[in-house]
Amino acid sequence: MAMDLQEISDRMEIQELMVRYAHCIDTRNFAGLDQVFTDDAYIDYRALGGAAGSLAQTQEFLGKAMPMFKSFQHLVANTWIEFDRDGDAARARTICHNPMVMEREGREHVFVCGLWYVDDLVRTEAGWRIRKRVEERCYVDNMPGDLRPPA
């Protein structure tokens, strides 16, 4: 399947958007998510015990929830992208491997989450942005029982 220059550029910009998201989360720059999501975005982290809501609600949730973690990394890879016919909207599914570190009983406790980000994206005047993101759980290893989402 041959790609024209616009599609190559769009794919690179969307890949960069996934990296920007991970960088914002991992540096605790939740305000920076304004450059990742549309103003009217819906974000659903419930598959791994988080919240669902608007961009502002998500930024507030992250500001309250993430301080419990000493550190974390959101390693994103393998983004599958499908564009609508007009090329101004797309769907994507991106793998994320996410080790998380907490202090538990005076020791570091590391657990790992594997998930997919399932996104609806739109081209805006500012570039590609995510309009809707839903996490899909793949695996969790060593997560403390009190953090596990209901089955």
Protein backbone atom coordinates (compact mmCIF):
# COMPACT_ATOMS: atom_id res chain seq x y z
CA MET A 1 0.00 0.00 0.00
CA ALA A 2 1.70 3.18 -1.21
CA MET A 3 1.37 6.29 0.93
CA ASP A 4 1.47 9.84 -0.35
CA LEU A 5 3.48 12.52 1.45
CA GLN A 6 0.42 13.83 3.32
CA GLU A 7 -0.35 10.42 4.80
CA ILE A 8 3.30 9.92 5.77
CA SER A 9 3.30 13.32 7.45
CA ASP A 10 -0.01 12.60 9.21
CA ARG A 11 1.26 9.26 10.50
CA MET A 12 4.42 10.85 11.85
CA GLU A 13 2.43 13.63 13.53
CA ILE A 14 0.08 11.11 15.17
CA GLN A 15 3.06 9.04 16.36
CA GLU A 16 4.54 12.21 17.86
CA LEU A 17 1.20 12.94 19.53
CA MET A 18 1.37 9.55 21.29
CA VAL A 19 4.90 10.34 22.49
CA ARG A 20 3.81 13.82 23.62
CA TYR A 21 1.02 12.27 25.67
CA ALA A 22 3.44 9.85 27.38
CA HIS A 23 5.92 12.67 28.02
CA CYS A 24 3.23 14.89 29.58
CA ILE A 25 2.09 12.10 31.89
CA ASP A 26 5.59 10.96 32.84
CA THR A 27 6.77 14.51 33.60
CA ARG A 28 3.53 15.25 35.47
CA ASN A 29 2.78 18.09 33.05
CA PHE A 30 -0.96 17.49 32.99
CA ALA A 31 -1.63 21.00 31.65
CA GLY A 32 0.39 19.95 28.59
CA LEU A 33 -2.40 17.56 27.68
CA ASP A 34 -4.12 20.62 26.19
CA GLN A 35 -1.71 20.06 23.27
CA VAL A 36 -2.74 16.39 22.95
CA PHE A 37 -6.54 16.39 23.27
CA THR A 38 -9.31 18.51 21.78
CA ASP A 39 -11.13 20.87 24.15
CA ASP A 40 -14.20 18.63 23.99
CA ALA A 41 -12.31 15.34 24.43
CA TYR A 42 -13.68 12.36 26.34
CA ILE A 43 -11.06 10.26 28.15
CA ASP A 44 -11.83 6.91 29.80
CA TYR A 45 -9.25 5.32 32.11
CA ARG A 46 -11.72 3.02 33.92
CA ALA A 47 -10.28 -0.24 32.53
CA LEU A 48 -7.36 0.12 34.95
CA GLY A 49 -9.19 1.75 37.85
CA GLY A 50 -9.08 5.38 36.76
CA ALA A 51 -11.74 7.94 35.98
CA ALA A 52 -13.65 8.90 32.85
CA GLY A 53 -14.68 12.37 31.75
CA SER A 54 -13.69 15.55 30.00
CA LEU A 55 -10.15 16.83 29.50
CA ALA A 56 -10.46 19.16 32.50
CA GLN A 57 -11.84 16.34 34.68
CA THR A 58 -9.01 14.07 33.53
CA GLN A 59 -6.37 16.68 34.33
CA GLU A 60 -7.90 17.11 37.79
CA PHE A 61 -8.01 13.33 38.32
CA LEU A 62 -4.37 12.94 37.28
CA GLY A 63 -3.32 15.77 39.58
CA LYS A 64 -4.90 13.97 42.51
CA ALA A 65 -4.11 10.34 41.63
CA MET A 66 -0.56 10.43 40.29
CA PRO A 67 1.21 11.78 43.40
CA MET A 68 0.76 8.34 45.02
CA PHE A 69 3.32 7.01 42.54
CA LYS A 70 7.00 7.64 43.09
CA SER A 71 7.66 7.18 39.38
CA PHE A 72 6.22 5.65 36.23
CA GLN A 73 6.87 5.28 32.53
CA HIS A 74 4.38 5.11 29.69
CA LEU A 75 6.18 3.27 26.91
CA VAL A 76 4.09 3.57 23.75
CA ALA A 77 4.64 1.61 20.55
CA ASN A 78 2.94 -0.12 17.62
CA THR A 79 0.33 2.45 16.72
CA TRP A 80 -2.15 1.15 14.16
CA ILE A 81 -3.84 4.06 12.33
CA GLU A 82 -6.81 4.08 9.98
CA PHE A 83 -7.81 7.34 8.28
CA ASP A 84 -11.30 8.34 7.19
CA ARG A 85 -11.73 8.93 3.47
CA ASP A 86 -11.30 12.70 3.73
CA GLY A 87 -8.11 12.27 5.76
CA ASP A 88 -9.17 14.69 8.52
CA ALA A 89 -10.19 12.05 11.07
CA ALA A 90 -8.61 8.79 12.13
CA ARG A 91 -8.80 5.92 14.55
CA ALA A 92 -5.74 4.55 16.29
CA ARG A 93 -4.84 1.74 18.67
CA THR A 94 -1.53 2.07 20.51
CA ILE A 95 0.22 -0.36 22.84
CA CYS A 96 1.36 0.99 26.20
CA HIS A 97 3.59 -0.85 28.68
CA ASN A 98 3.42 1.01 31.98
CA PRO A 99 5.62 0.19 35.00
CA MET A 100 4.53 2.06 38.15
CA VAL A 101 6.51 2.55 41.39
CA MET A 102 4.94 3.15 44.82
CA GLU A 103 6.20 3.26 48.37
CA ARG A 104 4.56 0.38 50.26
CA GLU A 105 5.45 -0.45 53.84
CA GLY A 106 8.70 1.49 53.56
CA ARG A 107 9.84 -0.23 50.35
CA GLU A 108 9.53 0.36 46.65
CA HIS A 109 6.77 -1.69 45.06
CA VAL A 110 6.79 -1.99 41.28
CA PHE A 111 3.85 -3.21 39.25
CA VAL A 112 3.24 -3.28 35.53
CA CYS A 113 0.19 -2.52 33.41
CA GLY A 114 -0.19 -3.45 29.76
CA LEU A 115 -2.90 -1.67 27.84
CA TRP A 116 -4.01 -0.23 24.55
CA TYR A 117 -5.09 3.33 23.95
CA VAL A 118 -8.01 3.30 21.53
CA ASP A 119 -8.34 6.78 20.06
CA ASP A 120 -10.52 8.83 17.77
CA LEU A 121 -8.40 11.63 16.31
CA VAL A 122 -9.15 14.77 14.31
CA ARG A 123 -7.04 17.19 12.35
CA THR A 124 -7.33 20.68 13.86
CA GLU A 125 -5.76 24.02 12.97
CA ALA A 126 -3.13 23.21 15.63
CA GLY A 127 -2.48 19.73 14.19
CA TRP A 128 -3.76 16.27 15.08
CA ARG A 129 -5.53 15.93 18.43
CA ILE A 130 -7.28 13.09 20.26
CA ARG A 131 -11.03 13.61 20.55
CA LYS A 132 -11.76 10.36 22.39
CA ARG A 133 -9.48 7.96 24.26
CA VAL A 134 -10.53 4.71 25.88
CA GLU A 135 -8.06 2.44 27.64
CA GLU A 136 -8.35 -1.30 27.04
CA ARG A 137 -6.69 -3.52 29.61
CA CYS A 138 -4.37 -6.28 28.41
CA TYR A 139 -2.50 -7.40 31.57
CA VAL A 140 -1.53 -6.31 35.06
CA ASP A 141 1.23 -7.87 37.13
CA ASN A 142 1.93 -7.29 40.82
CA MET A 143 -0.68 -4.52 41.26
CA PRO A 144 -1.55 -4.00 44.94
CA GLY A 145 -4.99 -5.40 45.75
CA ASP A 146 -6.33 -2.05 46.96
CA LEU A 147 -5.65 -0.48 43.54
CA ARG A 148 -7.23 -3.20 41.39
CA PRO A 149 -10.32 -2.15 39.49
CA PRO A 150 -13.43 -4.27 39.93
CA ALA A 151 -13.60 -7.16 37.49
